[in-house]
Each structure stands twice: as structure tokens, then as C-alpha cells.
Amino acid sequence: MTLPSVCNESSASLVSPSISCIPTQNTPLKLGVLASGSGSNFEAVAEAIKNGLLNAQIKVLIYNNPQAKVVERAASWNIPAVLLNHRDFSSREELDLQIIECLQQHDVNWVIMAGWMRVVTPVLINAFPNQIINIHPSLLPSFKGVKAVEQALEAGVKITGCTVHLVCPQVDSGTILCQAAVPILPNDTAETLHDRIQIQEHRILPQAIALAANLNLK
């Protein structure tokens, strides 16, 4: 497979697999999105569905931060949003049980962690085996965990990027579905680099969801 180099004024990226190779499904995927912040990746998935690039429906948004702006994005798409504040639960497992209940109530069959800033447990993973997807702002297996962009800058690497992967009990360690490489520019800060990485996140997340569903059917 020939991998395209996609350039714009502020950055270049290399995406694998190619964006042009997005598979399609006959039956719409039923997505539940978990998010903690602004929800730009949530929006990217919703836009991909609207534009016919991803055959899916977002059935519910679950968010854990009462101040998260993602709830406003969900409202603009008329998608139900459910607050499950992690501070209200005595353990990660208790939170995950409530997440499962909510997802099942909304008839979800794929779980998308789009900026979900909580570590999930085997309780949730086992309820949706090989059907939970996460996006992470580095080229895994490098720079796992929090502050991945800052880790890349501190390490002095010249290329970083983002990865979409299946979720397993080990943090940021599941099967890689799709990656986009982003060069680090000489004057980059964590903010400028994160902004360019996020552009690629928005491109590859819908693609990776379709790829994962296609693999799951084989």
C-alpha cells in the first residue's frame, strides 16, 4: 500500500492506512462516545457521519466533567448527553458499571473514547470486547499516558502524531488501528503541537472506527 503525504501550510502528515481506503458497512454502527473535554473529536465523528464518510449513529454521549464543553456540541447535534461524574463513584469499577448500564440502555455496540480522561477497567472492557476504541496524541507505543505531547517535546523527538487503537487493560497498549505522523517544528510549544496533532486526530478517528468494525466482521 502506498502511503500518501498530505501537506498544508502549517504541517505535513503521513497517515497509515490511507484515508482513501476507508471501508463501509451495510448496517449503521451504534456508537456511544465517552468524552471529558471540549469534544472536538466527538464533533469530527458526527461530521463524518453527516457527510457519509462513516455509516454510524451516535446514540449517546457520556461525559464525566460537569464543565465539559462537549455537552454543548452534543446538544447542537440533538444527541442525548449523560453526566457520570467520576467523583460520585467510590471506584473505577463502580463508574464503569454505570457506564455499561447507560450504553446498554441506548443500544450501543461500539464505544468511542474521544478524549476520555479516565482509565477504564476490565469491567467495561469485558462488556464490549474488542469494541472499545481510544485516540491518543502520540505515535504509540511511544509516550503512553498523560501529557503525551509534552513528553514528546521533552524527549526531543522530531516526529510525533496520534494513534487510534483498541482498548485493553494495559493503558494505551491495545491493537493499533490507524496512525498519523506529525513533524515537530523548531518553535513548537505544547499548544501549537497539540493543535496540529488534533487536526490529524479528526481525520483518522472516523476512519479507524470503520476499520475496526470491518475487522470485527471478518
Protein backbone atom coordinates (compact mmCIF):
# COMPACT_ATOMS: atom_id res chain seq x y z
CA MET A 1 0.00 0.00 0.00
CA THR A 2 1.35 3.44 -0.91
CA LEU A 3 1.02 5.92 1.93
CA PRO A 4 0.15 9.48 0.94
CA SER A 5 1.95 12.54 2.21
CA VAL A 6 -0.62 15.21 2.99
CA CYS A 7 0.69 18.77 3.32
CA ASN A 8 -0.73 22.12 4.35
CA GLU A 9 0.70 25.49 5.31
CA SER A 10 1.42 24.63 8.95
CA SER A 11 2.37 20.96 8.90
CA ALA A 12 2.78 17.75 6.98
CA SER A 13 1.37 14.40 7.95
CA LEU A 14 1.68 10.79 6.98
CA VAL A 15 -1.41 8.65 7.60
CA SER A 16 -1.47 4.87 7.70
CA PRO A 17 -3.63 3.16 6.46
CA SER A 18 -4.53 5.57 3.68
CA ILE A 19 -7.59 7.75 4.23
CA SER A 20 -8.74 6.70 0.74
CA CYS A 21 -9.13 3.11 1.93
CA ILE A 22 -11.95 3.63 4.45
CA PRO A 23 -14.25 0.59 4.36
CA THR A 24 -18.02 0.85 4.58
CA GLN A 25 -20.58 -1.22 6.49
CA ASN A 26 -24.08 -2.17 5.38
CA THR A 27 -25.53 -1.78 8.87
CA PRO A 28 -25.01 1.51 10.75
CA LEU A 29 -22.74 1.23 13.77
CA LYS A 30 -24.34 2.29 17.03
CA LEU A 31 -21.81 4.42 18.87
CA GLY A 32 -21.53 5.55 22.45
CA VAL A 33 -18.97 8.33 22.88
CA LEU A 34 -17.07 8.95 26.14
CA ALA A 35 -15.53 12.42 26.45
CA SER A 36 -14.15 14.68 29.15
CA GLY A 37 -13.30 17.95 27.45
CA SER A 38 -14.15 20.21 24.53
CA GLY A 39 -15.42 17.40 22.32
CA SER A 40 -13.66 18.23 19.05
CA ASN A 41 -13.20 14.54 18.26
CA PHE A 42 -16.87 13.95 19.08
CA GLU A 43 -17.67 16.65 16.55
CA ALA A 44 -15.35 15.09 13.97
CA VAL A 45 -17.19 11.77 14.23
CA ALA A 46 -20.57 13.49 13.98
CA GLU A 47 -19.42 15.40 10.89
CA ALA A 48 -18.08 12.22 9.26
CA ILE A 49 -21.46 10.57 9.78
CA LYS A 50 -23.30 13.59 8.38
CA ASN A 51 -21.04 13.68 5.31
CA GLY A 52 -21.50 9.97 4.59
CA LEU A 53 -17.91 9.02 5.42
CA LEU A 54 -18.93 6.78 8.32
CA ASN A 55 -22.08 4.66 8.39
CA ALA A 56 -22.99 5.09 12.05
CA GLN A 57 -25.20 6.78 14.61
CA ILE A 58 -24.06 8.38 17.86
CA LYS A 59 -26.63 7.03 20.30
CA VAL A 60 -25.36 8.75 23.43
CA LEU A 61 -22.57 10.93 24.81
CA ILE A 62 -21.30 10.14 28.30
CA TYR A 63 -19.18 12.81 29.96
CA ASN A 64 -17.56 12.86 33.40
CA ASN A 65 -16.69 16.53 33.81
CA PRO A 66 -19.65 18.80 34.61
CA GLN A 67 -17.84 21.72 32.92
CA ALA A 68 -17.04 19.82 29.71
CA LYS A 69 -17.89 21.79 26.57
CA VAL A 70 -18.65 18.57 24.72
CA VAL A 71 -22.18 18.65 26.13
CA GLU A 72 -22.87 21.79 24.09
CA ARG A 73 -21.70 20.03 20.93
CA ALA A 74 -23.98 17.08 21.70
CA ALA A 75 -26.93 19.42 22.13
CA SER A 76 -26.23 21.02 18.74
CA TRP A 77 -26.45 17.55 17.15
CA ASN A 78 -29.54 16.57 19.19
CA ILE A 79 -27.62 13.69 20.74
CA PRO A 80 -28.50 12.69 24.33
CA ALA A 81 -25.80 13.52 26.87
CA VAL A 82 -25.44 11.80 30.24
CA LEU A 83 -23.23 13.12 33.05
CA LEU A 84 -21.50 10.41 35.08
CA ASN A 85 -19.19 12.40 37.33
CA HIS A 86 -16.37 10.09 38.40
CA ARG A 87 -16.19 11.93 41.72
CA ASP A 88 -19.58 10.48 42.62
CA PHE A 89 -18.32 6.89 42.49
CA SER A 90 -16.26 5.02 45.06
CA SER A 91 -14.18 3.13 42.49
CA ARG A 92 -13.35 2.97 38.79
CA GLU A 93 -15.26 -0.30 38.61
CA GLU A 94 -18.40 1.27 40.02
CA LEU A 95 -18.20 4.04 37.43
CA ASP A 96 -17.67 1.53 34.64
CA LEU A 97 -20.72 -0.47 35.73
CA GLN A 98 -22.82 2.66 35.43
CA ILE A 99 -21.30 3.42 32.04
CA ILE A 100 -22.22 -0.08 30.86
CA GLU A 101 -25.79 0.34 32.04
CA CYS A 102 -26.11 3.66 30.20
CA LEU A 103 -24.59 2.26 26.99
CA GLN A 104 -26.89 -0.74 27.08
CA GLN A 105 -29.92 1.47 27.64
CA HIS A 106 -29.04 3.32 24.44
CA ASP A 107 -28.41 0.11 22.46
CA VAL A 108 -24.72 0.87 21.82
CA ASN A 109 -22.44 -1.69 20.19
CA TRP A 110 -19.23 0.37 19.79
CA VAL A 111 -17.66 2.58 22.47
CA ILE A 112 -15.51 5.53 21.35
CA MET A 113 -13.20 7.14 23.91
CA ALA A 114 -12.78 10.60 22.37
CA GLY A 115 -10.73 12.47 24.94
CA TRP A 116 -11.95 10.35 27.87
CA MET A 117 -9.56 11.24 30.68
CA ARG A 118 -10.26 8.20 32.84
CA VAL A 119 -8.60 4.79 32.92
CA VAL A 120 -11.22 2.14 32.19
CA THR A 121 -11.24 -1.23 33.92
CA PRO A 122 -11.77 -4.82 32.72
CA VAL A 123 -15.38 -4.39 33.86
CA LEU A 124 -16.07 -2.13 30.88
CA ILE A 125 -13.59 -3.79 28.52
CA ASN A 126 -15.13 -7.24 29.03
CA ALA A 127 -18.63 -5.88 28.43
CA PHE A 128 -17.57 -4.66 24.94
CA PRO A 129 -14.71 -6.98 23.91
CA ASN A 130 -12.68 -5.56 21.02
CA GLN A 131 -15.33 -2.89 20.56
CA ILE A 132 -13.84 -0.02 22.56
CA ILE A 133 -11.70 2.47 20.64
CA ASN A 134 -9.41 5.17 22.02
CA ILE A 135 -7.49 8.02 20.42
CA HIS A 136 -4.13 9.06 21.90
CA PRO A 137 -1.90 12.03 20.95
CA SER A 138 1.32 10.16 20.22
CA LEU A 139 2.70 7.50 17.92
CA LEU A 140 2.20 4.55 20.24
CA PRO A 141 3.94 2.69 21.74
CA SER A 142 5.89 5.89 22.42
CA PHE A 143 4.68 8.36 25.07
CA LYS A 144 1.84 6.50 26.71
CA GLY A 145 -0.32 8.03 29.42
CA VAL A 146 -0.95 11.67 30.29
CA LYS A 147 0.82 14.70 28.78
CA ALA A 148 1.92 12.75 25.71
CA VAL A 149 2.56 15.95 23.73
CA GLU A 150 4.76 17.35 26.49
CA GLN A 151 6.58 14.01 26.72
CA ALA A 152 7.42 14.17 23.02
CA LEU A 153 8.77 17.71 23.30
CA GLU A 154 10.86 16.86 26.35
CA ALA A 155 12.31 13.79 24.61
CA GLY A 156 13.46 15.91 21.68
CA VAL A 157 11.98 13.65 19.01
CA LYS A 158 11.43 15.13 15.55
CA ILE A 159 8.18 13.33 14.72
CA THR A 160 5.15 12.54 16.85
CA GLY A 161 1.47 12.21 15.97
CA CYS A 162 -1.64 10.35 17.05
CA THR A 163 -2.88 6.78 17.29
CA VAL A 164 -6.29 5.15 17.31
CA HIS A 165 -6.28 1.77 19.00
CA LEU A 166 -8.49 -0.86 20.55
CA VAL A 167 -8.66 -0.66 24.33
CA CYS A 168 -7.18 -3.37 26.54
CA PRO A 169 -6.48 -3.45 30.30
CA GLN A 170 -2.97 -2.03 29.83
CA VAL A 171 -3.10 1.74 29.27
CA ASP A 172 -2.55 2.82 25.63
CA SER A 173 -1.46 -0.68 24.64
CA GLY A 174 -4.23 -2.23 22.53
CA THR A 175 -4.11 -3.17 18.86
CA ILE A 176 -3.25 -0.17 16.69
CA LEU A 177 -5.86 0.65 14.04
CA CYS A 178 -4.57 3.86 12.47
CA GLN A 179 -1.79 6.42 12.97
CA ALA A 180 -0.88 9.85 11.66
CA ALA A 181 2.66 11.21 11.94
CA VAL A 182 3.19 14.92 12.59
CA PRO A 183 6.60 16.64 12.48
CA ILE A 184 7.72 18.71 15.46
CA LEU A 185 8.71 22.19 14.31
CA PRO A 186 11.63 24.11 15.86
CA ASN A 187 9.44 26.67 17.64
CA ASP A 188 6.66 24.31 18.71
CA THR A 189 5.08 24.64 22.12
CA ALA A 190 2.79 22.06 23.68
CA GLU A 191 -0.16 24.14 22.50
CA THR A 192 0.91 24.58 18.87
CA LEU A 193 1.93 20.94 18.53
CA HIS A 194 -1.27 19.71 20.14
CA ASP A 195 -3.31 21.83 17.73
CA ARG A 196 -1.63 20.24 14.70
CA ILE A 197 -1.93 16.75 16.13
CA GLN A 198 -5.62 17.33 16.76
CA ILE A 199 -6.19 18.14 13.08
CA GLN A 200 -4.96 14.63 12.30
CA GLU A 201 -6.99 13.09 15.12
CA HIS A 202 -10.12 14.46 13.49
CA ARG A 203 -9.12 12.85 10.19
CA ILE A 204 -8.20 9.38 11.39
CA LEU A 205 -10.73 8.70 14.16
CA PRO A 206 -13.73 8.14 11.83
CA GLN A 207 -11.51 6.05 9.55
CA ALA A 208 -10.34 3.89 12.44
CA ILE A 209 -13.90 3.29 13.65
CA ALA A 210 -14.81 1.96 10.20
CA LEU A 211 -11.64 -0.14 10.07
CA ALA A 212 -12.32 -1.68 13.47
CA ALA A 213 -15.87 -2.58 12.53
CA ASN A 214 -14.66 -4.12 9.28
CA LEU A 215 -12.07 -6.22 11.13
CA ASN A 216 -14.67 -7.28 13.68
CA LEU A 217 -16.92 -8.68 10.93
CA LYS A 218 -14.17 -10.91 9.47
